[in-house]
Amino acid sequence: MSINLSILLIILGCAIVTFIPRIIPFIVIRNIKLPKIAVKWLSFIPICIFTALIVESLIIEDKSLLSIDWSVLTAIIPTLIIALWTKSLSVTVIVGIICMATVRFLF
């Protein structure tokens, strides 16, 4: 398999463009003392993102009716248990990815 140089440069450029906005905020804010109200507000963001992702993938429209995607629910349950047990966003994401990959592989 040969790789075209222009395609390789496009992939590297996309990686850089994606990487920069995800890392720069952490670098900038690491040395800044935020007010307590801002820290409290920011603490709810992972929960909101997690909930939005779950609801969006769990509820499906089937002939103008809403129904539950049971394969997604089988991945959500162990992920939720791990999230409550560890309270770690990284561990929760990793377990969720593994659970969803397993469900998609089996079904």
PDB file of N, CA and C in Angstrom:
ATOM      1  N   MET A   1       0.847  -1.172   0.000  1.00  0.00           N
ATOM      2  CA  MET A   1       0.000   0.000   0.000  1.00  0.00           C
ATOM      3  C   MET A   1       0.896   1.239   0.000  1.00  0.00           C
ATOM      4  N   SER A   2       0.684   2.100  -0.946  1.00  0.00           N
ATOM      5  CA  SER A   2       1.473   3.323  -1.007  1.00  0.00           C
ATOM      6  C   SER A   2       0.663   4.495  -0.467  1.00  0.00           C
ATOM      7  N   ILE A   3       1.351   5.421   0.151  1.00  0.00           N
ATOM      8  CA  ILE A   3       0.699   6.596   0.715  1.00  0.00           C
ATOM      9  C   ILE A   3       1.108   7.810  -0.102  1.00  0.00           C
ATOM     10  N   ASN A   4       0.127   8.502  -0.606  1.00  0.00           N
ATOM     11  CA  ASN A   4       0.363   9.722  -1.356  1.00  0.00           C
ATOM     12  C   ASN A   4       0.805  10.810  -0.372  1.00  0.00           C
ATOM     13  N   LEU A   5       1.835  11.571  -0.713  1.00  0.00           N
ATOM     14  CA  LEU A   5       2.374  12.594   0.180  1.00  0.00           C
ATOM     15  C   LEU A   5       1.328  13.655   0.516  1.00  0.00           C
ATOM     16  N   SER A   6       0.534  14.052  -0.451  1.00  0.00           N
ATOM     17  CA  SER A   6      -0.475  15.086  -0.177  1.00  0.00           C
ATOM     18  C   SER A   6      -1.531  14.576   0.805  1.00  0.00           C
ATOM     19  N   ILE A   7      -1.913  13.308   0.695  1.00  0.00           N
ATOM     20  CA  ILE A   7      -2.878  12.724   1.637  1.00  0.00           C
ATOM     21  C   ILE A   7      -2.272  12.659   3.033  1.00  0.00           C
ATOM     22  N   LEU A   8      -1.018  12.280   3.115  1.00  0.00           N
ATOM     23  CA  LEU A   8      -0.338  12.227   4.409  1.00  0.00           C
ATOM     24  C   LEU A   8      -0.265  13.613   5.042  1.00  0.00           C
ATOM     25  N   LEU A   9       0.046  14.631   4.258  1.00  0.00           N
ATOM     26  CA  LEU A   9       0.092  15.995   4.785  1.00  0.00           C
ATOM     27  C   LEU A   9      -1.284  16.486   5.219  1.00  0.00           C
ATOM     28  N   ILE A  10      -2.316  16.111   4.492  1.00  0.00           N
ATOM     29  CA  ILE A  10      -3.677  16.479   4.885  1.00  0.00           C
ATOM     30  C   ILE A  10      -4.036  15.827   6.218  1.00  0.00           C
ATOM     31  N   ILE A  11      -3.709  14.560   6.376  1.00  0.00           N
ATOM     32  CA  ILE A  11      -4.002  13.855   7.634  1.00  0.00           C
ATOM     33  C   ILE A  11      -3.241  14.487   8.793  1.00  0.00           C
ATOM     34  N   LEU A  12      -1.967  14.797   8.602  1.00  0.00           N
ATOM     35  CA  LEU A  12      -1.183  15.447   9.654  1.00  0.00           C
ATOM     36  C   LEU A  12      -1.731  16.841   9.969  1.00  0.00           C
ATOM     37  N   GLY A  13      -2.122  17.588   8.943  1.00  0.00           N
ATOM     38  CA  GLY A  13      -2.715  18.915   9.166  1.00  0.00           C
ATOM     39  C   GLY A  13      -4.009  18.829   9.947  1.00  0.00           C
ATOM     40  N   CYS A  14      -4.850  17.865   9.600  1.00  0.00           N
ATOM     41  CA  CYS A  14      -6.105  17.672  10.345  1.00  0.00           C
ATOM     42  C   CYS A  14      -5.834  17.293  11.795  1.00  0.00           C
ATOM     43  N   ALA A  15      -4.812  16.467  12.010  1.00  0.00           N
ATOM     44  CA  ALA A  15      -4.463  16.077  13.377  1.00  0.00           C
ATOM     45  C   ALA A  15      -4.018  17.291  14.182  1.00  0.00           C
ATOM     46  N   ILE A  16      -3.212  18.147  13.583  1.00  0.00           N
ATOM     47  CA  ILE A  16      -2.737  19.352  14.279  1.00  0.00           C
ATOM     48  C   ILE A  16      -3.893  20.295  14.570  1.00  0.00           C
ATOM     49  N   VAL A  17      -4.760  20.505  13.577  1.00  0.00           N
ATOM     50  CA  VAL A  17      -5.898  21.411  13.757  1.00  0.00           C
ATOM     51  C   VAL A  17      -6.859  20.884  14.822  1.00  0.00           C
ATOM     52  N   THR A  18      -6.993  19.581  14.913  1.00  0.00           N
ATOM     53  CA  THR A  18      -7.858  18.992  15.938  1.00  0.00           C
ATOM     54  C   THR A  18      -7.190  19.044  17.306  1.00  0.00           C
ATOM     55  N   PHE A  19      -5.894  18.830  17.357  1.00  0.00           N
ATOM     56  CA  PHE A  19      -5.146  18.759  18.609  1.00  0.00           C
ATOM     57  C   PHE A  19      -5.055  20.120  19.296  1.00  0.00           C
ATOM     58  N   ILE A  20      -4.824  21.179  18.526  1.00  0.00           N
ATOM     59  CA  ILE A  20      -4.593  22.518  19.097  1.00  0.00           C
ATOM     60  C   ILE A  20      -5.758  23.010  19.951  1.00  0.00           C
ATOM     61  N   PRO A  21      -7.006  23.038  19.461  1.00  0.00           N
ATOM     62  CA  PRO A  21      -8.071  23.565  20.325  1.00  0.00           C
ATOM     63  C   PRO A  21      -8.404  22.678  21.522  1.00  0.00           C
ATOM     64  N   ARG A  22      -7.958  21.445  21.505  1.00  0.00           N
ATOM     65  CA  ARG A  22      -8.216  20.576  22.651  1.00  0.00           C
ATOM     66  C   ARG A  22      -7.161  20.718  23.733  1.00  0.00           C
ATOM     67  N   ILE A  23      -5.961  21.094  23.378  1.00  0.00           N
ATOM     68  CA  ILE A  23      -4.864  21.158  24.335  1.00  0.00           C
ATOM     69  C   ILE A  23      -4.609  22.570  24.850  1.00  0.00           C
ATOM     70  N   ILE A  24      -4.698  23.574  23.998  1.00  0.00           N
ATOM     71  CA  ILE A  24      -4.384  24.952  24.402  1.00  0.00           C
ATOM     72  C   ILE A  24      -5.214  25.422  25.606  1.00  0.00           C
ATOM     73  N   PRO A  25      -6.526  25.165  25.671  1.00  0.00           N
ATOM     74  CA  PRO A  25      -7.260  25.606  26.875  1.00  0.00           C
ATOM     75  C   PRO A  25      -6.705  25.019  28.171  1.00  0.00           C
ATOM     76  N   PHE A  26      -6.274  23.773  28.145  1.00  0.00           N
ATOM     77  CA  PHE A  26      -5.699  23.173  29.351  1.00  0.00           C
ATOM     78  C   PHE A  26      -4.382  23.833  29.727  1.00  0.00           C
ATOM     79  N   ILE A  27      -3.577  24.155  28.725  1.00  0.00           N
ATOM     80  CA  ILE A  27      -2.292  24.806  28.986  1.00  0.00           C
ATOM     81  C   ILE A  27      -2.505  26.211  29.541  1.00  0.00           C
ATOM     82  N   VAL A  28      -3.444  26.946  28.971  1.00  0.00           N
ATOM     83  CA  VAL A  28      -3.697  28.323  29.382  1.00  0.00           C
ATOM     84  C   VAL A  28      -4.304  28.381  30.782  1.00  0.00           C
ATOM     85  N   ILE A  29      -5.282  27.535  31.054  1.00  0.00           N
ATOM     86  CA  ILE A  29      -6.030  27.630  32.309  1.00  0.00           C
ATOM     87  C   ILE A  29      -5.316  26.970  33.486  1.00  0.00           C
ATOM     88  N   ARG A  30      -4.303  26.178  33.222  1.00  0.00           N
ATOM     89  CA  ARG A  30      -3.626  25.456  34.298  1.00  0.00           C
ATOM     90  C   ARG A  30      -2.988  26.391  35.321  1.00  0.00           C
ATOM     91  N   ASN A  31      -2.545  27.566  34.910  1.00  0.00           N
ATOM     92  CA  ASN A  31      -1.884  28.500  35.825  1.00  0.00           C
ATOM     93  C   ASN A  31      -2.808  29.621  36.308  1.00  0.00           C
ATOM     94  N   ILE A  32      -4.078  29.535  35.994  1.00  0.00           N
ATOM     95  CA  ILE A  32      -5.032  30.575  36.383  1.00  0.00           C
ATOM     96  C   ILE A  32      -5.903  30.045  37.512  1.00  0.00           C
ATOM     97  N   LYS A  33      -6.105  30.861  38.527  1.00  0.00           N
ATOM     98  CA  LYS A  33      -6.991  30.505  39.638  1.00  0.00           C
ATOM     99  C   LYS A  33      -8.398  30.969  39.277  1.00  0.00           C
ATOM    100  N   LEU A  34      -9.295  30.025  39.071  1.00  0.00           N
ATOM    101  CA  LEU A  34     -10.673  30.344  38.700  1.00  0.00           C
ATOM    102  C   LEU A  34     -11.513  30.606  39.949  1.00  0.00           C
ATOM    103  N   PRO A  35     -12.535  31.448  39.835  1.00  0.00           N
ATOM    104  CA  PRO A  35     -13.447  31.639  40.964  1.00  0.00           C
ATOM    105  C   PRO A  35     -14.185  30.335  41.291  1.00  0.00           C
ATOM    106  N   LYS A  36     -14.593  30.192  42.544  1.00  0.00           N
ATOM    107  CA  LYS A  36     -15.271  28.963  42.970  1.00  0.00           C
ATOM    108  C   LYS A  36     -16.539  28.691  42.178  1.00  0.00           C
ATOM    109  N   ILE A  37     -17.276  29.744  41.826  1.00  0.00           N
ATOM    110  CA  ILE A  37     -18.509  29.559  41.057  1.00  0.00           C
ATOM    111  C   ILE A  37     -18.207  28.984  39.676  1.00  0.00           C
ATOM    112  N   ALA A  38     -17.103  29.401  39.069  1.00  0.00           N
ATOM    113  CA  ALA A  38     -16.716  28.877  37.752  1.00  0.00           C
ATOM    114  C   ALA A  38     -16.296  27.414  37.855  1.00  0.00           C
ATOM    115  N   VAL A  39     -15.559  27.077  38.900  1.00  0.00           N
ATOM    116  CA  VAL A  39     -15.126  25.696  39.097  1.00  0.00           C
ATOM    117  C   VAL A  39     -16.345  24.795  39.330  1.00  0.00           C
ATOM    118  N   LYS A  40     -17.295  25.272  40.122  1.00  0.00           N
ATOM    119  CA  LYS A  40     -18.509  24.480  40.368  1.00  0.00           C
ATOM    120  C   LYS A  40     -19.288  24.282  39.083  1.00  0.00           C
ATOM    121  N   TRP A  41     -19.440  25.352  38.287  1.00  0.00           N
ATOM    122  CA  TRP A  41     -20.167  25.255  37.029  1.00  0.00           C
ATOM    123  C   TRP A  41     -19.464  24.291  36.067  1.00  0.00           C
ATOM    124  N   LEU A  42     -18.144  24.368  35.983  1.00  0.00           N
ATOM    125  CA  LEU A  42     -17.390  23.490  35.098  1.00  0.00           C
ATOM    126  C   LEU A  42     -17.450  22.031  35.544  1.00  0.00           C
ATOM    127  N   SER A  43     -17.672  21.788  36.817  1.00  0.00           N
ATOM    128  CA  SER A  43     -17.737  20.412  37.301  1.00  0.00           C
ATOM    129  C   SER A  43     -18.949  19.664  36.762  1.00  0.00           C
ATOM    130  N   PHE A  44     -19.985  20.378  36.309  1.00  0.00           N
ATOM    131  CA  PHE A  44     -21.188  19.728  35.784  1.00  0.00           C
ATOM    132  C   PHE A  44     -21.078  19.410  34.296  1.00  0.00           C
ATOM    133  N   ILE A  45     -20.094  19.946  33.610  1.00  0.00           N
ATOM    134  CA  ILE A  45     -19.999  19.756  32.165  1.00  0.00           C
ATOM    135  C   ILE A  45     -19.821  18.297  31.769  1.00  0.00           C
ATOM    136  N   PRO A  46     -18.937  17.506  32.398  1.00  0.00           N
ATOM    137  CA  PRO A  46     -18.833  16.096  31.993  1.00  0.00           C
ATOM    138  C   PRO A  46     -20.163  15.342  32.144  1.00  0.00           C
ATOM    139  N   ILE A  47     -20.924  15.645  33.189  1.00  0.00           N
ATOM    140  CA  ILE A  47     -22.211  14.991  33.382  1.00  0.00           C
ATOM    141  C   ILE A  47     -23.163  15.359  32.262  1.00  0.00           C
ATOM    142  N   CYS A  48     -23.173  16.626  31.867  1.00  0.00           N
ATOM    143  CA  CYS A  48     -24.061  17.076  30.797  1.00  0.00           C
ATOM    144  C   CYS A  48     -23.690  16.433  29.464  1.00  0.00           C
ATOM    145  N   ILE A  49     -22.412  16.375  29.176  1.00  0.00           N
ATOM    146  CA  ILE A  49     -21.963  15.767  27.922  1.00  0.00           C
ATOM    147  C   ILE A  49     -22.292  14.281  27.907  1.00  0.00           C
ATOM    148  N   PHE A  50     -22.027  13.607  29.006  1.00  0.00           N
ATOM    149  CA  PHE A  50     -22.318  12.174  29.110  1.00  0.00           C
ATOM    150  C   PHE A  50     -23.813  11.911  28.911  1.00  0.00           C
ATOM    151  N   THR A  51     -24.651  12.709  29.556  1.00  0.00           N
ATOM    152  CA  THR A  51     -26.095  12.546  29.429  1.00  0.00           C
ATOM    153  C   THR A  51     -26.563  12.798  28.004  1.00  0.00           C
ATOM    154  N   ALA A  52     -26.055  13.844  27.373  1.00  0.00           N
ATOM    155  CA  ALA A  52     -26.441  14.150  26.001  1.00  0.00           C
ATOM    156  C   ALA A  52     -26.054  13.025  25.050  1.00  0.00           C
ATOM    157  N   LEU A  53     -24.871  12.480  25.216  1.00  0.00           N
ATOM    158  CA  LEU A  53     -24.435  11.383  24.362  1.00  0.00           C
ATOM    159  C   LEU A  53     -25.276  10.128  24.576  1.00  0.00           C
ATOM    160  N   ILE A  54     -25.615   9.863  25.818  1.00  0.00           N
ATOM    161  CA  ILE A  54     -26.420   8.677  26.119  1.00  0.00           C
ATOM    162  C   ILE A  54     -27.814   8.796  25.513  1.00  0.00           C
ATOM    163  N   VAL A  55     -28.468   9.895  25.773  1.00  0.00           N
ATOM    164  CA  VAL A  55     -29.847  10.065  25.298  1.00  0.00           C
ATOM    165  C   VAL A  55     -29.895  10.061  23.775  1.00  0.00           C
ATOM    166  N   GLU A  56     -28.914  10.710  23.151  1.00  0.00           N
ATOM    167  CA  GLU A  56     -28.895  10.781  21.687  1.00  0.00           C
ATOM    168  C   GLU A  56     -28.737   9.405  21.054  1.00  0.00           C
ATOM    169  N   SER A  57     -27.956   8.546  21.666  1.00  0.00           N
ATOM    170  CA  SER A  57     -27.741   7.229  21.071  1.00  0.00           C
ATOM    171  C   SER A  57     -28.725   6.176  21.579  1.00  0.00           C
ATOM    172  N   LEU A  58     -29.332   6.402  22.719  1.00  0.00           N
ATOM    173  CA  LEU A  58     -30.233   5.414  23.311  1.00  0.00           C
ATOM    174  C   LEU A  58     -31.626   5.455  22.704  1.00  0.00           C
ATOM    175  N   ILE A  59     -32.123   6.642  22.430  1.00  0.00           N
ATOM    176  CA  ILE A  59     -33.491   6.789  21.921  1.00  0.00           C
ATOM    177  C   ILE A  59     -33.448   6.898  20.403  1.00  0.00           C
ATOM    178  N   ILE A  60     -34.181   6.012  19.743  1.00  0.00           N
ATOM    179  CA  ILE A  60     -34.228   6.020  18.290  1.00  0.00           C
ATOM    180  C   ILE A  60     -35.661   6.216  17.822  1.00  0.00           C
ATOM    181  N   GLU A  61     -35.795   6.800  16.641  1.00  0.00           N
ATOM    182  CA  GLU A  61     -37.126   7.011  16.067  1.00  0.00           C
ATOM    183  C   GLU A  61     -37.434   5.846  15.144  1.00  0.00           C
ATOM    184  N   ASP A  62     -38.558   5.200  15.399  1.00  0.00           N
ATOM    185  CA  ASP A  62     -38.962   4.043  14.610  1.00  0.00           C
ATOM    186  C   ASP A  62     -40.391   4.245  14.147  1.00  0.00           C
ATOM    187  N   LYS A  63     -40.565   4.592  12.890  1.00  0.00           N
ATOM    188  CA  LYS A  63     -41.896   4.820  12.309  1.00  0.00           C
ATOM    189  C   LYS A  63     -42.685   5.842  13.123  1.00  0.00           C
ATOM    190  N   SER A  64     -42.110   6.992  13.347  1.00  0.00           N
ATOM    191  CA  SER A  64     -42.716   8.102  14.088  1.00  0.00           C
ATOM    192  C   SER A  64     -42.923   7.806  15.564  1.00  0.00           C
ATOM    193  N   LEU A  65     -42.383   6.723  16.055  1.00  0.00           N
ATOM    194  CA  LEU A  65     -42.442   6.404  17.478  1.00  0.00           C
ATOM    195  C   LEU A  65     -41.025   6.401  18.033  1.00  0.00           C
ATOM    196  N   LEU A  66     -40.914   6.711  19.296  1.00  0.00           N
ATOM    197  CA  LEU A  66     -39.613   6.655  19.952  1.00  0.00           C
ATOM    198  C   LEU A  66     -39.458   5.299  20.622  1.00  0.00           C
ATOM    199  N   SER A  67     -38.297   4.709  20.458  1.00  0.00           N
ATOM    200  CA  SER A  67     -38.032   3.425  21.103  1.00  0.00           C
ATOM    201  C   SER A  67     -36.590   3.404  21.609  1.00  0.00           C
ATOM    202  N   ILE A  68     -36.280   2.381  22.363  1.00  0.00           N
ATOM    203  CA  ILE A  68     -34.961   2.254  22.978  1.00  0.00           C
ATOM    204  C   ILE A  68     -34.117   1.309  22.142  1.00  0.00           C
ATOM    205  N   ASP A  69     -32.881   1.702  21.907  1.00  0.00           N
ATOM    206  CA  ASP A  69     -31.916   0.839  21.239  1.00  0.00           C
ATOM    207  C   ASP A  69     -31.294  -0.061  22.313  1.00  0.00           C
ATOM    208  N   TRP A  70     -31.735  -1.304  22.357  1.00  0.00           N
ATOM    209  CA  TRP A  70     -31.356  -2.206  23.443  1.00  0.00           C
ATOM    210  C   TRP A  70     -29.875  -2.556  23.421  1.00  0.00           C
ATOM    211  N   SER A  71     -29.266  -2.556  22.242  1.00  0.00           N
ATOM    212  CA  SER A  71     -27.833  -2.844  22.199  1.00  0.00           C
ATOM    213  C   SER A  71     -27.037  -1.730  22.875  1.00  0.00           C
ATOM    214  N   VAL A  72     -27.479  -0.495  22.705  1.00  0.00           N
ATOM    215  CA  VAL A  72     -26.815   0.627  23.368  1.00  0.00           C
ATOM    216  C   VAL A  72     -27.039   0.550  24.878  1.00  0.00           C
ATOM    217  N   LEU A  73     -28.228   0.177  25.279  1.00  0.00           N
ATOM    218  CA  LEU A  73     -28.524   0.056  26.710  1.00  0.00           C
ATOM    219  C   LEU A  73     -27.633  -0.989  27.375  1.00  0.00           C
ATOM    220  N   THR A  74     -27.324  -2.076  26.667  1.00  0.00           N
ATOM    221  CA  THR A  74     -26.448  -3.094  27.253  1.00  0.00           C
ATOM    222  C   THR A  74     -25.022  -2.581  27.435  1.00  0.00           C
ATOM    223  N   ALA A  75     -24.625  -1.579  26.675  1.00  0.00           N
ATOM    224  CA  ALA A  75     -23.301  -0.970  26.871  1.00  0.00           C
ATOM    225  C   ALA A  75     -23.344   0.130  27.929  1.00  0.00           C
ATOM    226  N   ILE A  76     -24.486   0.794  28.052  1.00  0.00           N
ATOM    227  CA  ILE A  76     -24.613   1.904  29.001  1.00  0.00           C
ATOM    228  C   ILE A  76     -24.589   1.411  30.446  1.00  0.00           C
ATOM    229  N   ILE A  77     -25.230   0.304  30.725  1.00  0.00           N
ATOM    230  CA  ILE A  77     -25.368  -0.164  32.102  1.00  0.00           C
ATOM    231  C   ILE A  77     -24.007  -0.418  32.769  1.00  0.00           C
ATOM    232  N   PRO A  78     -23.100  -1.201  32.176  1.00  0.00           N
ATOM    233  CA  PRO A  78     -21.792  -1.365  32.844  1.00  0.00           C
ATOM    234  C   PRO A  78     -20.982  -0.068  32.882  1.00  0.00           C
ATOM    235  N   THR A  79     -21.145   0.760  31.864  1.00  0.00           N
ATOM    236  CA  THR A  79     -20.435   2.042  31.857  1.00  0.00           C
ATOM    237  C   THR A  79     -20.914   2.926  32.997  1.00  0.00           C
ATOM    238  N   LEU A  80     -22.208   2.974  33.218  1.00  0.00           N
ATOM    239  CA  LEU A  80     -22.770   3.771  34.306  1.00  0.00           C
ATOM    240  C   LEU A  80     -22.319   3.244  35.664  1.00  0.00           C
ATOM    241  N   ILE A  81     -22.264   1.940  35.805  1.00  0.00           N
ATOM    242  CA  ILE A  81     -21.806   1.350  37.071  1.00  0.00           C
ATOM    243  C   ILE A  81     -20.348   1.743  37.336  1.00  0.00           C
ATOM    244  N   ILE A  82     -19.516   1.661  36.321  1.00  0.00           N
ATOM    245  CA  ILE A  82     -18.106   2.047  36.474  1.00  0.00           C
ATOM    246  C   ILE A  82     -17.986   3.544  36.774  1.00  0.00           C
ATOM    247  N   ALA A  83     -18.812   4.352  36.123  1.00  0.00           N
ATOM    248  CA  ALA A  83     -18.777   5.810  36.360  1.00  0.00           C
ATOM    249  C   ALA A  83     -19.123   6.132  37.808  1.00  0.00           C
ATOM    250  N   LEU A  84     -20.142   5.480  38.337  1.00  0.00           N
ATOM    251  CA  LEU A  84     -20.534   5.720  39.730  1.00  0.00           C
ATOM    252  C   LEU A  84     -19.498   5.169  40.705  1.00  0.00           C
ATOM    253  N   TRP A  85     -18.880   4.076  40.344  1.00  0.00           N
ATOM    254  CA  TRP A  85     -17.913   3.433  41.229  1.00  0.00           C
ATOM    255  C   TRP A  85     -16.583   4.184  41.256  1.00  0.00           C
ATOM    256  N   THR A  86     -16.048   4.545  40.079  1.00  0.00           N
ATOM    257  CA  THR A  86     -14.722   5.167  40.039  1.00  0.00           C
ATOM    258  C   THR A  86     -14.759   6.690  40.086  1.00  0.00           C
ATOM    259  N   LYS A  87     -15.848   7.286  39.599  1.00  0.00           N
ATOM    260  CA  LYS A  87     -15.969   8.743  39.491  1.00  0.00           C
ATOM    261  C   LYS A  87     -14.816   9.343  38.678  1.00  0.00           C
ATOM    262  N   SER A  88     -14.368   8.579  37.698  1.00  0.00           N
ATOM    263  CA  SER A  88     -13.267   9.003  36.835  1.00  0.00           C
ATOM    264  C   SER A  88     -13.775   9.080  35.396  1.00  0.00           C
ATOM    265  N   LEU A  89     -13.659  10.258  34.807  1.00  0.00           N
ATOM    266  CA  LEU A  89     -14.132  10.436  33.436  1.00  0.00           C
ATOM    267  C   LEU A  89     -13.323   9.581  32.464  1.00  0.00           C
ATOM    268  N   SER A  90     -12.026   9.513  32.658  1.00  0.00           N
ATOM    269  CA  SER A  90     -11.171   8.736  31.745  1.00  0.00           C
ATOM    270  C   SER A  90     -11.518   7.247  31.785  1.00  0.00           C
ATOM    271  N   VAL A  91     -11.637   6.712  32.972  1.00  0.00           N
ATOM    272  CA  VAL A  91     -11.969   5.290  33.108  1.00  0.00           C
ATOM    273  C   VAL A  91     -13.354   5.024  32.534  1.00  0.00           C
ATOM    274  N   THR A  92     -14.289   5.927  32.780  1.00  0.00           N
ATOM    275  CA  THR A  92     -15.652   5.763  32.267  1.00  0.00           C
ATOM    276  C   THR A  92     -15.659   5.747  30.748  1.00  0.00           C
ATOM    277  N   VAL A  93     -14.933   6.653  30.141  1.00  0.00           N
ATOM    278  CA  VAL A  93     -14.880   6.708  28.677  1.00  0.00           C
ATOM    279  C   VAL A  93     -14.253   5.438  28.115  1.00  0.00           C
ATOM    280  N   ILE A  94     -13.178   4.978  28.712  1.00  0.00           N
ATOM    281  CA  ILE A  94     -12.509   3.767  28.228  1.00  0.00           C
ATOM    282  C   ILE A  94     -13.432   2.556  28.356  1.00  0.00           C
ATOM    283  N   VAL A  95     -14.090   2.420  29.497  1.00  0.00           N
ATOM    284  CA  VAL A  95     -15.014   1.296  29.691  1.00  0.00           C
ATOM    285  C   VAL A  95     -16.181   1.404  28.711  1.00  0.00           C
ATOM    286  N   GLY A  96     -16.689   2.604  28.505  1.00  0.00           N
ATOM    287  CA  GLY A  96     -17.792   2.794  27.556  1.00  0.00           C
ATOM    288  C   GLY A  96     -17.403   2.409  26.142  1.00  0.00           C
ATOM    289  N   ILE A  97     -16.210   2.793  25.732  1.00  0.00           N
ATOM    290  CA  ILE A  97     -15.738   2.435  24.394  1.00  0.00           C
ATOM    291  C   ILE A  97     -15.592   0.923  24.261  1.00  0.00           C
ATOM    292  N   ILE A  98     -15.027   0.281  25.274  1.00  0.00           N
ATOM    293  CA  ILE A  98     -14.853  -1.171  25.243  1.00  0.00           C
ATOM    294  C   ILE A  98     -16.210  -1.871  25.218  1.00  0.00           C
ATOM    295  N   CYS A  99     -17.149  -1.400  26.042  1.00  0.00           N
ATOM    296  CA  CYS A  99     -18.483  -2.012  26.077  1.00  0.00           C
ATOM    297  C   CYS A  99     -19.206  -1.858  24.737  1.00  0.00           C
ATOM    298  N   MET A 100     -19.147  -0.664  24.158  1.00  0.00           N
ATOM    299  CA  MET A 100     -19.837  -0.437  22.883  1.00  0.00           C
ATOM    300  C   MET A 100     -19.174  -1.233  21.762  1.00  0.00           C
ATOM    301  N   ALA A 101     -17.856  -1.322  21.779  1.00  0.00           N
ATOM    302  CA  ALA A 101     -17.153  -2.117  20.761  1.00  0.00           C
ATOM    303  C   ALA A 101     -17.528  -3.601  20.890  1.00  0.00           C
ATOM    304  N   THR A 102     -17.634  -4.079  22.115  1.00  0.00           N
ATOM    305  CA  THR A 102     -18.020  -5.466  22.341  1.00  0.00           C
ATOM    306  C   THR A 102     -19.444  -5.724  21.859  1.00  0.00           C
ATOM    307  N   VAL A 103     -20.351  -4.806  22.177  1.00  0.00           N
ATOM    308  CA  VAL A 103     -21.750  -4.962  21.743  1.00  0.00           C
ATOM    309  C   VAL A 103     -21.844  -4.964  20.220  1.00  0.00           C
ATOM    310  N   ARG A 104     -21.139  -4.039  19.586  1.00  0.00           N
ATOM    311  CA  ARG A 104     -21.175  -3.980  18.119  1.00  0.00           C
ATOM    312  C   ARG A 104     -20.525  -5.212  17.491  1.00  0.00           C
ATOM    313  N   PHE A 105     -19.510  -5.760  18.139  1.00  0.00           N
ATOM    314  CA  PHE A 105     -18.863  -6.966  17.615  1.00  0.00           C
ATOM    315  C   PHE A 105     -19.798  -8.182  17.733  1.00  0.00           C
ATOM    316  N   LEU A 106     -20.506  -8.277  18.852  1.00  0.00           N
ATOM    317  CA  LEU A 106     -21.367  -9.435  19.086  1.00  0.00           C
ATOM    318  C   LEU A 106     -22.700  -9.355  18.355  1.00  0.00           C
ATOM    319  N   PHE A 107     -23.226  -8.147  18.195  1.00  0.00           N
ATOM    320  CA  PHE A 107     -24.552  -8.020  17.577  1.00  0.00           C
ATOM    321  C   PHE A 107     -24.390  -7.352  16.258  1.00  0.00           C
TER     322      PHE A 107
END
